[in-house]
Amino acid sequence: MSFEKNYNLEENLQKINGLLKPIEQQQMKLKGNDFSLPSVLQIGSPRSGTTFFTQWMASHEIFSSPTNFLSRFFGAPYIGALIYEMLVNPKYDYRNEFYDISKNTEFKSEIGKTKGFNSIHEFWYFWRQHFKFYDVPVDNITFMQDANFKTFNQELSLIQQVFAKPFILKAHIINWYLESVAKNMKNAVYIHIHRNPIANIRSLMRARKNWRGDMNLWFSWKPREYKLIKDMDIYHQVAGQIYFIEKTIINDRKFLGNRYLVFSYEELCSEPEEIYLKVIDHINIFSTNKIKGSYKGQKKFAISNPKTEFDDQKIEKAYQYFISKYGDLQF
């Protein structure tokens, strides 16, 4: 799979969203103030299992989530959601005109990218419609200077009115701004998924190779401590990247209060029913539309931790360097 952008597509999407945005803004003013359903924000490190978690939850049809189709309406997601529902919801079916659109959810992805009309999407363009994100994260005061929580909340409200379900989306992009988000988000719940650090580092190193084609090139989110690690060897760069991201979340989760829920990728794979019930119970606290029903999914999943060409001893040593210097991580 090539990860290069399709610039013909990008140009067309900018045109379409530019045309639709004024209509979207009118609807935001008229209807974007119903926060009876929570938005579910996934936080954590890259390569920690959040794509799998979203696919798994989507398979139970209890959440709505960004799809590859909806992602193309990043500037007008309410209109995109209306069109999406018209295409896939049996309520609007007429003589199977769109029978060939797959409704199945596969537990497959390649560095977070999925295949299929109905498959989940990371939705970063949508976030960037409302916030300015710097290459290296800034402090909360600077972040708030270019943050538009009013429109962000209104858009999420509109999307959930279409789907009539809590909307779950990846939120790694705001790992460093939990204090600001907690103070300004309307009815959000935060799910923090972490992973065995050695497996996490190994996976992120492999992503560097597969996505960038060069192990020396940075991949994914940079922590605020980027200057401390950018000139280290690749093992310490990646270990430090994951360590400092997780440390930031652990330090700032106090701002999230009882809206915060944490578990590991390994727990999810070993005890999916237990995690499912824990998530549902947590969401129901903040939702007027209670999620009902028992768990009907798989009893276990294989934990992904394949061997790579990278030296596990060097990975372990690099991670322990940060533990010994900056303290253990208490999830």
Protein backbone atom coordinates (compact mmCIF):
# COMPACT_ATOMS: atom_id res chain seq x y z
CA MET A 1 0.00 0.00 0.00
CA SER A 2 1.35 3.42 -0.94
CA PHE A 3 1.01 6.16 1.67
CA GLU A 4 1.60 9.03 -0.76
CA LYS A 5 -1.21 11.58 -0.93
CA ASN A 6 -3.45 11.65 -4.00
CA TYR A 7 -3.20 15.35 -4.83
CA ASN A 8 -6.00 15.19 -7.42
CA LEU A 9 -8.26 13.89 -4.65
CA GLU A 10 -7.00 16.53 -2.19
CA GLU A 11 -7.82 19.33 -4.63
CA ASN A 12 -11.31 17.98 -5.26
CA LEU A 13 -12.02 17.52 -1.55
CA GLN A 14 -11.01 21.10 -0.81
CA LYS A 15 -13.40 22.29 -3.51
CA ILE A 16 -16.33 20.17 -2.28
CA ASN A 17 -15.84 21.07 1.38
CA GLY A 18 -15.47 24.75 0.51
CA LEU A 19 -18.85 24.66 -1.24
CA LEU A 20 -20.58 22.80 1.59
CA LYS A 21 -19.07 24.64 4.55
CA PRO A 22 -21.41 27.69 4.53
CA ILE A 23 -24.44 25.36 4.69
CA GLU A 24 -22.80 23.37 7.48
CA GLN A 25 -22.19 26.56 9.48
CA GLN A 26 -25.87 27.49 9.21
CA GLN A 27 -26.87 24.09 10.59
CA MET A 28 -24.35 24.41 13.43
CA LYS A 29 -26.01 27.63 14.57
CA LEU A 30 -29.50 26.20 14.29
CA LYS A 31 -29.05 22.67 15.65
CA GLY A 32 -25.58 22.19 17.12
CA ASN A 33 -26.37 22.41 20.82
CA ASP A 34 -27.60 18.96 21.84
CA PHE A 35 -24.99 17.28 24.03
CA SER A 36 -27.08 14.46 25.46
CA LEU A 37 -24.76 11.87 23.87
CA PRO A 38 -21.08 11.74 24.83
CA SER A 39 -18.17 12.00 22.42
CA VAL A 40 -15.68 9.22 23.13
CA LEU A 41 -12.06 10.31 22.69
CA GLN A 42 -9.27 7.72 22.45
CA ILE A 43 -5.92 8.89 23.76
CA GLY A 44 -2.54 7.20 24.03
CA SER A 45 0.60 6.43 22.06
CA PRO A 46 0.74 5.61 18.35
CA ARG A 47 0.66 1.86 17.62
CA SER A 48 -1.07 1.09 20.92
CA GLY A 49 -4.11 -0.75 19.52
CA THR A 50 -6.65 2.07 19.16
CA THR A 51 -7.46 1.26 15.51
CA PHE A 52 -8.27 -2.31 16.50
CA PHE A 53 -10.33 -1.12 19.46
CA THR A 54 -12.42 1.21 17.28
CA GLN A 55 -12.97 -1.51 14.67
CA TRP A 56 -13.97 -3.95 17.38
CA MET A 57 -16.43 -1.53 19.00
CA ALA A 58 -17.83 -0.53 15.61
CA SER A 59 -18.58 -4.20 14.89
CA HIS A 60 -21.11 -4.14 17.76
CA GLU A 61 -22.90 -1.13 16.23
CA ILE A 62 -23.16 0.68 19.55
CA PHE A 63 -21.00 3.64 18.54
CA SER A 64 -20.82 5.78 15.47
CA SER A 65 -17.33 6.51 14.17
CA PRO A 66 -15.53 8.30 11.34
CA THR A 67 -15.39 6.19 8.19
CA ASN A 68 -13.31 6.48 5.04
CA PHE A 69 -16.38 7.98 3.37
CA LEU A 70 -17.18 10.45 6.14
CA SER A 71 -13.54 11.60 6.25
CA ARG A 72 -14.01 13.21 2.84
CA PHE A 73 -16.45 15.67 4.40
CA PHE A 74 -14.01 17.01 6.99
CA GLY A 75 -15.34 20.56 6.52
CA ALA A 76 -19.00 19.52 6.52
CA PRO A 77 -19.28 16.26 8.49
CA TYR A 78 -22.98 16.77 9.30
CA ILE A 79 -23.83 16.79 5.59
CA GLY A 80 -21.45 13.87 5.08
CA ALA A 81 -23.16 11.93 7.88
CA LEU A 82 -26.60 12.54 6.33
CA ILE A 83 -25.37 11.23 2.97
CA TYR A 84 -23.62 8.29 4.63
CA GLU A 85 -26.80 7.27 6.47
CA MET A 86 -28.80 7.52 3.26
CA LEU A 87 -26.38 5.08 1.63
CA VAL A 88 -25.92 2.48 4.37
CA ASN A 89 -28.87 2.65 6.79
CA PRO A 90 -31.54 0.02 5.90
CA LYS A 91 -34.16 2.60 6.91
CA TYR A 92 -33.44 4.47 3.67
CA ASP A 93 -32.97 1.47 1.39
CA TYR A 94 -34.89 1.34 -1.87
CA ARG A 95 -34.75 -1.90 -3.84
CA ASN A 96 -31.13 -2.62 -2.85
CA GLU A 97 -29.71 0.19 -4.94
CA PHE A 98 -26.56 0.26 -2.81
CA TYR A 99 -26.38 -3.43 -1.88
CA ASP A 100 -22.75 -3.60 -3.03
CA ILE A 101 -21.51 -1.25 -0.27
CA SER A 102 -19.95 -3.52 2.32
CA LYS A 103 -21.41 -3.25 5.82
CA ASN A 104 -18.80 -5.55 7.35
CA THR A 105 -16.14 -4.28 9.74
CA GLU A 106 -12.74 -5.94 9.35
CA PHE A 107 -10.14 -5.97 12.12
CA LYS A 108 -7.40 -5.03 9.67
CA SER A 109 -5.33 -1.92 9.12
CA GLU A 110 -1.90 -0.88 7.89
CA ILE A 111 -0.30 1.72 10.17
CA GLY A 112 -3.80 2.98 11.06
CA LYS A 113 -5.03 3.08 7.45
CA THR A 114 -8.00 0.90 6.57
CA LYS A 115 -9.60 -0.26 3.33
CA GLY A 116 -13.28 0.02 2.48
CA PHE A 117 -16.11 2.54 2.24
CA ASN A 118 -17.41 1.70 5.70
CA SER A 119 -14.06 1.23 7.47
CA ILE A 120 -12.90 3.59 10.20
CA HIS A 121 -10.73 6.61 9.55
CA GLU A 122 -8.42 8.66 11.77
CA PHE A 123 -10.23 11.93 10.88
CA TRP A 124 -7.28 14.27 11.52
CA TYR A 125 -8.44 16.77 8.86
CA PHE A 126 -11.60 17.28 10.87
CA TRP A 127 -9.64 18.15 14.02
CA ARG A 128 -7.52 20.62 12.09
CA GLN A 129 -10.62 22.52 10.98
CA HIS A 130 -10.99 23.75 14.57
CA PHE A 131 -7.51 23.73 16.12
CA LYS A 132 -3.96 24.62 15.20
CA PHE A 133 -1.54 21.79 15.93
CA TYR A 134 2.17 22.47 16.01
CA ASP A 135 4.87 20.05 14.87
CA VAL A 136 6.11 19.94 18.46
CA PRO A 137 3.31 20.36 21.03
CA VAL A 138 3.06 23.75 22.72
CA ASP A 139 1.71 24.71 26.14
CA ASN A 140 -2.02 24.89 26.80
CA ILE A 141 -2.10 28.70 26.78
CA THR A 142 -0.62 28.85 23.27
CA PHE A 143 -2.88 26.04 22.10
CA MET A 144 -5.99 27.91 23.24
CA GLN A 145 -5.09 30.98 21.17
CA ASP A 146 -6.13 29.18 17.99
CA ALA A 147 -8.70 26.75 19.41
CA ASN A 148 -12.35 26.95 18.42
CA PHE A 149 -14.16 24.64 20.81
CA LYS A 150 -17.51 26.22 20.01
CA THR A 151 -17.56 24.98 16.42
CA PHE A 152 -15.91 21.69 17.38
CA ASN A 153 -18.62 20.93 19.94
CA GLN A 154 -21.36 21.97 17.54
CA GLU A 155 -20.04 19.71 14.78
CA LEU A 156 -19.88 16.72 17.12
CA SER A 157 -23.41 17.48 18.29
CA LEU A 158 -24.71 17.49 14.71
CA ILE A 159 -22.93 14.25 13.81
CA GLN A 160 -24.39 12.45 16.83
CA GLN A 161 -27.87 13.73 16.03
CA VAL A 162 -27.62 11.98 12.65
CA PHE A 163 -26.32 8.68 14.01
CA ALA A 164 -28.18 8.79 17.36
CA LYS A 165 -25.19 7.07 18.97
CA PRO A 166 -22.09 8.20 20.87
CA PHE A 167 -19.37 9.20 18.40
CA ILE A 168 -15.97 7.59 19.00
CA LEU A 169 -12.84 9.02 17.44
CA LYS A 170 -9.10 8.86 17.80
CA ALA A 171 -7.80 11.79 19.82
CA HIS A 172 -4.04 11.22 20.02
CA ILE A 173 -3.71 14.65 18.51
CA ILE A 174 -4.78 16.22 21.83
CA ASN A 175 -2.68 14.08 24.21
CA TRP A 176 -0.85 17.25 25.33
CA TYR A 177 -3.92 19.44 25.75
CA LEU A 178 -6.12 17.42 28.07
CA GLU A 179 -6.47 20.29 30.52
CA SER A 180 -7.84 22.59 27.82
CA VAL A 181 -10.01 19.91 26.26
CA ALA A 182 -11.50 18.87 29.59
CA LYS A 183 -12.47 22.47 30.37
CA ASN A 184 -14.02 23.17 26.97
CA MET A 185 -15.45 19.94 25.58
CA LYS A 186 -19.16 19.28 25.95
CA ASN A 187 -19.84 15.81 27.36
CA ALA A 188 -16.64 13.97 26.42
CA VAL A 189 -15.39 10.63 27.75
CA TYR A 190 -11.72 9.66 27.50
CA ILE A 191 -10.45 6.14 26.86
CA HIS A 192 -6.73 5.66 27.36
CA ILE A 193 -5.32 2.52 25.75
CA HIS A 194 -1.70 1.62 26.48
CA ARG A 195 0.40 -1.31 25.35
CA ASN A 196 3.35 -3.35 26.54
CA PRO A 197 6.13 -0.79 25.98
CA ILE A 198 8.57 -3.18 24.29
CA ALA A 199 5.93 -4.33 21.81
CA ASN A 200 4.82 -0.72 21.34
CA ILE A 201 8.37 0.46 20.58
CA ARG A 202 8.96 -2.46 18.23
CA SER A 203 5.75 -1.69 16.33
CA LEU A 204 6.51 2.01 16.06
CA MET A 205 10.02 1.31 14.77
CA ARG A 206 8.58 -0.96 12.11
CA ALA A 207 6.10 1.77 11.17
CA ARG A 208 9.04 4.14 10.61
CA LYS A 209 10.51 1.70 8.15
CA ASN A 210 7.26 0.87 6.36
CA TRP A 211 5.82 4.41 6.16
CA ARG A 212 8.92 6.57 5.77
CA GLY A 213 11.24 4.02 4.18
CA ASP A 214 14.07 5.28 6.39
CA MET A 215 14.56 4.38 10.04
CA ASN A 216 16.19 7.74 10.71
CA LEU A 217 13.06 9.70 9.74
CA TRP A 218 10.55 10.55 12.46
CA PHE A 219 7.10 8.96 12.37
CA SER A 220 3.91 10.05 14.13
CA TRP A 221 3.44 12.41 17.09
CA LYS A 222 6.33 14.25 18.67
CA PRO A 223 6.31 14.76 22.44
CA ARG A 224 7.04 18.13 24.03
CA GLU A 225 10.42 16.63 24.97
CA TYR A 226 11.35 16.17 21.30
CA LYS A 227 14.53 18.26 21.65
CA LEU A 228 15.77 15.90 24.36
CA ILE A 229 15.54 12.83 22.16
CA LYS A 230 15.83 13.99 18.53
CA ASP A 231 19.62 13.47 18.38
CA MET A 232 19.62 10.11 20.17
CA ASP A 233 19.89 6.76 18.37
CA ILE A 234 16.70 5.35 16.88
CA TYR A 235 16.05 3.04 19.85
CA HIS A 236 16.13 5.90 22.34
CA GLN A 237 14.16 8.20 20.02
CA VAL A 238 11.24 5.78 19.76
CA ALA A 239 11.41 4.66 23.39
CA GLY A 240 11.47 8.29 24.50
CA GLN A 241 8.61 9.17 22.15
CA ILE A 242 6.32 6.58 23.74
CA TYR A 243 7.56 7.18 27.28
CA PHE A 244 6.97 10.94 27.22
CA ILE A 245 3.57 10.67 25.52
CA GLU A 246 2.35 8.26 28.18
CA LYS A 247 3.92 10.30 30.99
CA THR A 248 2.11 13.43 29.78
CA ILE A 249 -1.26 11.64 29.78
CA ILE A 250 -0.66 10.13 33.23
CA ASN A 251 0.32 13.52 34.64
CA ASP A 252 -2.70 15.29 33.12
CA ARG A 253 -5.44 12.71 33.59
CA LYS A 254 -6.38 14.42 36.84
CA PHE A 255 -8.10 17.06 34.70
CA LEU A 256 -10.42 14.39 33.24
CA GLY A 257 -11.89 13.24 36.54
CA ASN A 258 -14.40 10.41 36.38
CA ARG A 259 -14.62 10.72 32.59
CA TYR A 260 -11.28 8.89 32.24
CA LEU A 261 -11.01 5.14 31.67
CA VAL A 262 -7.74 3.24 31.16
CA PHE A 263 -6.87 -0.32 30.13
CA SER A 264 -4.20 -2.07 28.08
CA TYR A 265 -4.27 -3.53 24.60
CA GLU A 266 -3.26 -6.85 26.14
CA GLU A 267 -6.25 -6.76 28.51
CA LEU A 268 -8.52 -6.02 25.57
CA CYS A 269 -7.24 -9.07 23.68
CA SER A 270 -7.31 -11.41 26.69
CA GLU A 271 -10.64 -10.32 28.23
CA PRO A 272 -12.68 -8.56 25.52
CA GLU A 273 -16.03 -9.17 27.23
CA GLU A 274 -14.80 -7.63 30.47
CA ILE A 275 -13.42 -4.59 28.64
CA TYR A 276 -16.61 -4.28 26.59
CA LEU A 277 -18.81 -4.18 29.68
CA LYS A 278 -16.44 -1.78 31.43
CA VAL A 279 -16.55 0.65 28.47
CA ILE A 280 -20.33 0.41 28.10
CA ASP A 281 -20.94 1.01 31.81
CA HIS A 282 -18.64 4.01 31.69
CA ILE A 283 -20.28 5.54 28.61
CA ASN A 284 -23.78 5.02 30.00
CA ILE A 285 -23.00 7.27 32.97
CA PHE A 286 -22.85 10.25 30.62
CA SER A 287 -25.45 9.31 27.99
CA THR A 288 -29.21 9.82 27.92
CA ASN A 289 -29.48 7.03 25.34
CA LYS A 290 -28.29 4.00 27.33
CA ILE A 291 -26.41 1.26 25.50
CA LYS A 292 -28.07 -2.10 26.17
CA GLY A 293 -27.37 -5.71 25.38
CA SER A 294 -24.86 -8.38 26.29
CA TYR A 295 -21.51 -9.05 24.69
CA LYS A 296 -21.70 -11.28 21.59
CA GLY A 297 -18.19 -10.97 20.20
CA GLN A 298 -15.10 -13.15 20.29
CA LYS A 299 -13.93 -14.53 23.62
CA LYS A 300 -10.26 -13.77 22.97
CA PHE A 301 -8.01 -12.16 20.38
CA ALA A 302 -4.43 -13.03 19.53
CA ILE A 303 -2.07 -10.40 20.93
CA SER A 304 -0.08 -8.88 18.09
CA ASN A 305 3.61 -8.83 18.99
CA PRO A 306 5.54 -10.20 16.00
CA LYS A 307 9.30 -10.46 16.02
CA THR A 308 11.20 -7.91 13.95
CA GLU A 309 14.75 -7.28 12.84
CA PHE A 310 15.17 -4.84 15.73
CA ASP A 311 17.21 -5.79 18.78
CA ASP A 312 14.86 -6.36 21.74
CA GLN A 313 17.72 -5.97 24.21
CA LYS A 314 18.45 -2.51 22.83
CA ILE A 315 14.74 -1.67 22.97
CA GLU A 316 14.54 -2.76 26.61
CA LYS A 317 17.71 -0.88 27.51
CA ALA A 318 16.49 2.30 25.81
CA TYR A 319 13.12 2.19 27.57
CA GLN A 320 14.74 1.53 30.97
CA TYR A 321 16.95 4.57 30.42
CA PHE A 322 13.87 6.82 30.55
CA ILE A 323 12.34 4.92 33.45
CA SER A 324 15.51 5.30 35.54
CA LYS A 325 15.97 8.97 34.61
CA TYR A 326 12.37 10.24 34.72
CA GLY A 327 10.44 7.71 36.81
CA ASP A 328 8.22 4.69 36.30
CA LEU A 329 4.82 4.98 34.60
CA GLN A 330 1.90 4.08 36.85
CA PHE A 331 -1.14 3.31 34.71
